[in-house]
């Protein structure tokens, strides 16, 4: 892949967004924007976790919405400390604590504080939840799986955008299966389709995998307390995906 593409910047993800979501450190507008970004990244893993705990689809949507809304109302993620460890673990722990202090259904009309961060109708979470194959029995395993899928999906989308910018959309579409394991077409067949030699194709696949791994590491680096934990978290991501 061309060096001109350069490293993608992840300046406003995960732990850095947690800092921005603290009301005492940022304006209401910035805090809301930060929280909405966190919602986009983590809404489904949390929804799937709550849903698998036995809550109905409506209650799971309500509780997930409320979790984010109450968090911002309480001053954002002020209790979050990057030095304490992995962000996914912090977030799951926060949701468990929230559910332990379960909001009664009589408070439903109060949930979300009249603010809706997640547009459920547009996302259709129940169709996604029902369509997932081999749902783990353990809610925490389900959360981890959906977290892994969000992380890898985000990195794959970032790579797609880079390739499109570089005018290599066709190459990406042909080779993305080598990253996800979904395409088992013979290399010779792919090379012929792209009018490339098998040697050139092998180099292209190698570069694509390197860039994809780099994007994954950049994303995960924002979710751990110490860079020393980065390799462990990468291995954990792979292990979670292999459980599928």
Protein backbone atom coordinates (compact mmCIF):
# COMPACT_ATOMS: atom_id res chain seq x y z
CA UNK A 1 0.00 0.00 0.00
CA UNK A 2 1.24 3.48 -0.80
CA UNK A 3 3.12 5.16 2.02
CA UNK A 4 1.38 8.38 1.03
CA UNK A 5 -1.74 7.14 2.74
CA UNK A 6 0.01 7.56 6.07
CA UNK A 7 -1.27 6.47 9.49
CA UNK A 8 -4.91 7.16 10.28
CA UNK A 9 -5.36 9.39 13.30
CA UNK A 10 -7.49 8.19 16.23
CA UNK A 11 -7.29 11.39 18.25
CA UNK A 12 -10.90 11.32 19.46
CA UNK A 13 -11.74 7.75 20.37
CA UNK A 14 -12.45 5.77 23.53
CA UNK A 15 -10.37 7.06 26.46
CA UNK A 16 -9.83 10.48 24.88
CA UNK A 17 -13.59 10.76 24.38
CA UNK A 18 -14.13 9.80 28.00
CA UNK A 19 -12.10 12.84 28.98
CA UNK A 20 -14.12 15.05 26.66
CA UNK A 21 -17.36 13.71 28.13
CA UNK A 22 -16.59 15.13 31.57
CA UNK A 23 -18.82 18.10 32.16
CA UNK A 24 -16.34 19.83 34.45
CA UNK A 25 -13.71 19.77 31.71
CA UNK A 26 -15.72 20.55 28.61
CA UNK A 27 -18.72 22.52 27.49
CA UNK A 28 -22.15 20.90 27.33
CA UNK A 29 -21.89 20.84 23.53
CA UNK A 30 -18.53 19.08 23.52
CA UNK A 31 -19.65 16.62 26.18
CA UNK A 32 -22.74 15.70 24.20
CA UNK A 33 -20.72 15.25 21.00
CA UNK A 34 -18.24 13.01 22.82
CA UNK A 35 -20.99 10.91 24.35
CA UNK A 36 -22.72 10.51 21.01
CA UNK A 37 -19.47 9.23 19.52
CA UNK A 38 -19.16 6.70 22.34
CA UNK A 39 -22.77 5.69 21.71
CA UNK A 40 -22.04 5.00 18.07
CA UNK A 41 -19.13 2.75 18.99
CA UNK A 42 -20.53 0.87 21.97
CA UNK A 43 -24.33 0.98 21.79
CA UNK A 44 -24.76 -2.46 20.26
CA UNK A 45 -22.33 -4.46 22.45
CA UNK A 46 -24.06 -2.95 25.49
CA UNK A 47 -27.55 -3.51 24.05
CA UNK A 48 -26.72 -7.15 23.27
CA UNK A 49 -25.37 -7.60 26.81
CA UNK A 50 -28.52 -6.18 28.40
CA UNK A 51 -30.77 -8.12 26.04
CA UNK A 52 -29.02 -11.39 26.85
CA UNK A 53 -29.56 -10.75 30.55
CA UNK A 54 -33.24 -11.50 29.94
CA UNK A 55 -34.62 -8.01 29.36
CA UNK A 56 -37.16 -7.48 26.60
CA UNK A 57 -36.17 -5.60 23.46
CA UNK A 58 -38.03 -2.49 24.63
CA UNK A 59 -36.50 -2.59 28.11
CA UNK A 60 -33.01 -3.25 26.71
CA UNK A 61 -33.32 -0.24 24.41
CA UNK A 62 -34.60 1.88 27.28
CA UNK A 63 -31.87 0.79 29.68
CA UNK A 64 -29.06 1.26 27.16
CA UNK A 65 -30.35 4.73 26.30
CA UNK A 66 -30.66 5.57 29.97
CA UNK A 67 -27.18 4.30 30.78
CA UNK A 68 -25.61 6.86 28.46
CA UNK A 69 -28.03 9.65 29.38
CA UNK A 70 -27.65 9.18 33.14
CA UNK A 71 -23.90 9.02 32.74
CA UNK A 72 -23.76 12.44 31.13
CA UNK A 73 -26.27 13.86 33.61
CA UNK A 74 -24.08 12.62 36.47
CA UNK A 75 -21.03 14.43 35.11
CA UNK A 76 -19.88 12.18 32.31
CA UNK A 77 -17.36 9.41 32.84
CA UNK A 78 -15.67 11.20 35.73
CA UNK A 79 -15.07 7.89 37.50
CA UNK A 80 -13.20 6.50 34.52
CA UNK A 81 -9.47 6.36 34.96
CA UNK A 82 -7.30 5.32 32.03
CA UNK A 83 -4.74 3.95 34.46
CA UNK A 84 -7.25 1.40 35.73
CA UNK A 85 -7.15 -0.77 32.64
CA UNK A 86 -9.07 -1.65 29.51
CA UNK A 87 -11.94 0.58 28.46
CA UNK A 88 -14.20 -2.32 27.45
CA UNK A 89 -13.84 -3.73 30.98
CA UNK A 90 -14.59 -0.35 32.54
CA UNK A 91 -17.66 0.15 30.36
CA UNK A 92 -19.05 -3.33 31.02
CA UNK A 93 -18.50 -2.86 34.75
CA UNK A 94 -20.32 0.46 34.63
CA UNK A 95 -23.28 -1.16 32.87
CA UNK A 96 -23.39 -3.99 35.42
CA UNK A 97 -23.44 -1.43 38.22
CA UNK A 98 -26.20 0.46 36.44
CA UNK A 99 -28.32 -2.67 36.06
CA UNK A 100 -27.72 -3.62 39.71
CA UNK A 101 -29.42 -0.32 40.58
CA UNK A 102 -32.19 -1.16 38.11
CA UNK A 103 -34.53 1.67 37.14
CA UNK A 104 -38.12 0.66 37.80
CA UNK A 105 -40.54 0.62 34.92
CA UNK A 106 -42.56 3.32 36.59
CA UNK A 107 -39.66 5.67 35.79
CA UNK A 108 -39.70 4.86 32.09
CA UNK A 109 -41.02 8.27 31.11
CA UNK A 110 -38.09 9.87 32.96
CA UNK A 111 -35.42 7.73 31.39
CA UNK A 112 -33.08 9.55 29.07
CA UNK A 113 -33.91 12.93 30.57
CA UNK A 114 -35.90 13.78 27.40
CA UNK A 115 -32.63 13.41 25.48
CA UNK A 116 -32.28 10.61 22.95
CA UNK A 117 -28.74 9.71 21.96
CA UNK A 118 -29.64 6.53 20.08
CA UNK A 119 -32.15 6.46 17.21
CA UNK A 120 -33.49 2.96 17.72
CA UNK A 121 -35.89 2.96 14.77
CA UNK A 122 -33.08 3.69 12.32
CA UNK A 123 -30.73 1.10 13.86
CA UNK A 124 -33.27 -1.74 14.23
CA UNK A 125 -31.25 -3.44 17.00
CA UNK A 126 -33.63 -6.34 17.51
CA UNK A 127 -33.28 -7.47 13.91
CA UNK A 128 -29.51 -7.46 14.36
CA UNK A 129 -29.78 -9.31 17.67
CA UNK A 130 -32.18 -11.92 16.31
CA UNK A 131 -30.12 -12.39 13.17
CA UNK A 132 -26.86 -13.12 14.97
CA UNK A 133 -25.93 -16.79 14.74
CA UNK A 134 -24.64 -18.88 17.64
CA UNK A 135 -25.50 -16.41 20.38
CA UNK A 136 -23.28 -17.14 23.41
CA UNK A 137 -25.16 -18.17 26.53
CA UNK A 138 -22.89 -15.96 28.65
CA UNK A 139 -23.90 -12.25 28.39
CA UNK A 140 -20.29 -11.17 28.99
CA UNK A 141 -19.07 -13.36 26.13
CA UNK A 142 -21.73 -11.79 23.93
CA UNK A 143 -20.58 -8.30 24.91
CA UNK A 144 -16.98 -9.21 24.14
CA UNK A 145 -17.92 -10.70 20.77
CA UNK A 146 -19.88 -7.62 19.73
CA UNK A 147 -17.07 -5.39 21.00
CA UNK A 148 -14.61 -7.34 18.84
CA UNK A 149 -16.89 -7.07 15.81
CA UNK A 150 -17.26 -3.31 16.29
CA UNK A 151 -13.49 -2.84 16.60
CA UNK A 152 -12.67 -4.94 13.55
CA UNK A 153 -15.56 -3.48 11.56
CA UNK A 154 -14.38 0.04 12.30
CA UNK A 155 -10.82 -0.75 11.23
CA UNK A 156 -12.09 -2.42 8.05
CA UNK A 157 -14.21 0.62 7.21
CA UNK A 158 -11.26 2.93 7.81
CA UNK A 159 -9.16 0.82 5.48
CA UNK A 160 -11.90 0.89 2.85
CA UNK A 161 -11.99 4.70 3.02
CA UNK A 162 -8.22 4.90 2.65
CA UNK A 163 -8.29 2.64 -0.39
CA UNK A 164 -11.12 4.62 -1.95
CA UNK A 165 -9.17 7.85 -1.44
CA UNK A 166 -6.18 6.23 -3.12
CA UNK A 167 -8.37 5.14 -6.05
CA UNK A 168 -8.04 1.46 -5.14
CA UNK A 169 -11.64 0.52 -4.35
CA UNK A 170 -11.61 -2.40 -6.78
CA UNK A 171 -8.47 -3.81 -5.20
CA UNK A 172 -9.95 -3.50 -1.72
CA UNK A 173 -13.22 -5.19 -2.70
CA UNK A 174 -11.29 -8.05 -4.28
CA UNK A 175 -8.95 -8.56 -1.34
CA UNK A 176 -11.04 -7.74 1.74
CA UNK A 177 -11.94 -11.41 2.04
CA UNK A 178 -8.29 -12.11 2.80
CA UNK A 179 -8.73 -9.98 5.92
CA UNK A 180 -12.04 -11.42 7.10
CA UNK A 181 -11.55 -15.00 5.96
CA UNK A 182 -14.82 -14.89 4.01
CA UNK A 183 -13.30 -15.26 0.52
CA UNK A 184 -11.65 -18.56 -0.31
CA UNK A 185 -11.24 -17.89 -4.03
CA UNK A 186 -7.97 -19.19 -5.47
CA UNK A 187 -5.26 -16.53 -5.70
CA UNK A 188 -4.82 -17.24 -9.41
CA UNK A 189 -8.49 -16.48 -10.01
CA UNK A 190 -8.33 -13.19 -8.11
CA UNK A 191 -5.09 -12.20 -9.87
CA UNK A 192 -6.66 -12.85 -13.28
CA UNK A 193 -9.72 -10.81 -12.35
CA UNK A 194 -7.51 -7.87 -11.34
CA UNK A 195 -5.12 -8.34 -14.26
CA UNK A 196 -2.22 -8.80 -11.85
CA UNK A 197 0.52 -11.39 -11.54
CA UNK A 198 0.21 -13.77 -8.60
CA UNK A 199 3.43 -12.30 -7.20
CA UNK A 200 2.02 -8.76 -7.30
CA UNK A 201 -1.20 -10.00 -5.73
CA UNK A 202 0.72 -11.65 -2.90
CA UNK A 203 2.50 -8.35 -2.17
CA UNK A 204 -0.79 -6.43 -2.26
CA UNK A 205 -2.42 -8.86 0.18
CA UNK A 206 0.58 -8.60 2.52
CA UNK A 207 0.44 -4.79 2.51
CA UNK A 208 -3.31 -4.77 3.03
CA UNK A 209 -3.02 -7.08 6.02
CA UNK A 210 -0.24 -4.96 7.50
CA UNK A 211 -2.32 -1.79 7.19
CA UNK A 212 -5.40 -3.48 8.61
CA UNK A 213 -3.42 -4.71 11.60
CA UNK A 214 -1.98 -1.22 12.07
CA UNK A 215 -5.48 0.28 12.14
CA UNK A 216 -6.64 -2.36 14.63
CA UNK A 217 -3.70 -1.64 16.91
CA UNK A 218 -4.30 2.10 16.69
CA UNK A 219 -7.91 1.63 17.75
CA UNK A 220 -7.15 -0.78 20.58
CA UNK A 221 -4.30 1.42 21.83
CA UNK A 222 -6.97 3.97 22.77
CA UNK A 223 -8.75 1.42 24.95
CA UNK A 224 -5.94 0.21 27.21
CA UNK A 225 -4.25 1.90 30.13
CA UNK A 226 -0.72 1.05 29.08
CA UNK A 227 0.86 0.30 25.73
CA UNK A 228 2.33 -2.80 27.34
CA UNK A 229 -1.21 -4.20 27.44
CA UNK A 230 -1.74 -3.63 23.73
CA UNK A 231 -0.45 -7.00 22.55
CA UNK A 232 -2.48 -8.81 25.21
CA UNK A 233 -5.62 -7.02 24.07
CA UNK A 234 -4.88 -7.83 20.43
CA UNK A 235 -4.52 -11.51 21.34
CA UNK A 236 -7.76 -11.34 23.31
CA UNK A 237 -9.55 -9.84 20.31
CA UNK A 238 -8.37 -12.71 18.12
CA UNK A 239 -9.40 -15.26 20.76
CA UNK A 240 -12.89 -13.75 21.01
CA UNK A 241 -13.36 -13.86 17.25
CA UNK A 242 -12.22 -17.48 17.12
CA UNK A 243 -14.97 -18.42 19.57
CA UNK A 244 -17.60 -17.49 16.99
